[in-house]
């Protein structure tokens, strides 16, 4: 929206807000597996891809702090919420990386799945090894599997997107109880 200014808050400002007891909403826009592996106590999971559909779940009368891993997705969530008419939306600069580096307390699920980044590394590495082994033992054409995965990783690095990560995020083991419960409220 033209004329709307974006507000960025540091993790120490958010922590002070929490400790003061003042009302605010903390919206975590990461995926379920990321949220389960470490989050700010009292935050609510609404993945970035669901932010418009679930905006009615956010109290417009109080400040809204949006957080993600690094601040990039939360900046996008902030932009989308402002476009929906929210007035006081604050992007938490540096996201959970900054929160944990501070170091501030993190709440975790006991049985959280591996981080998506770790899952991608294991899946990509496994596919490369499989492609090399199959090309050596079965048919040389299987080397293209390793090449395809390598090209995908290069593309992911250049564009800062990851199709494999998006696919893995949708797997059942990455759908946390928080996300499943939140998605069932319609």
Foldseek 3Di string as FASTA:
>chain_A
DPPADAAADELVVVVVCVVVVHDEAEEEQDFQLQQQAWDDPRHAYDHLVCLVVCVVVHDLVHAYEYAYQAQPSLVVSRVVVVVVPRRHYYGHHGGPVNPCVVPHDIDHHPPRDDDLVVVLVVVLVVQLVVLVVCCVPPNVVSNVSNVVSVVQVVVCVVVVHHPSSVVVSPDPSNCDPSNVVVVVPD
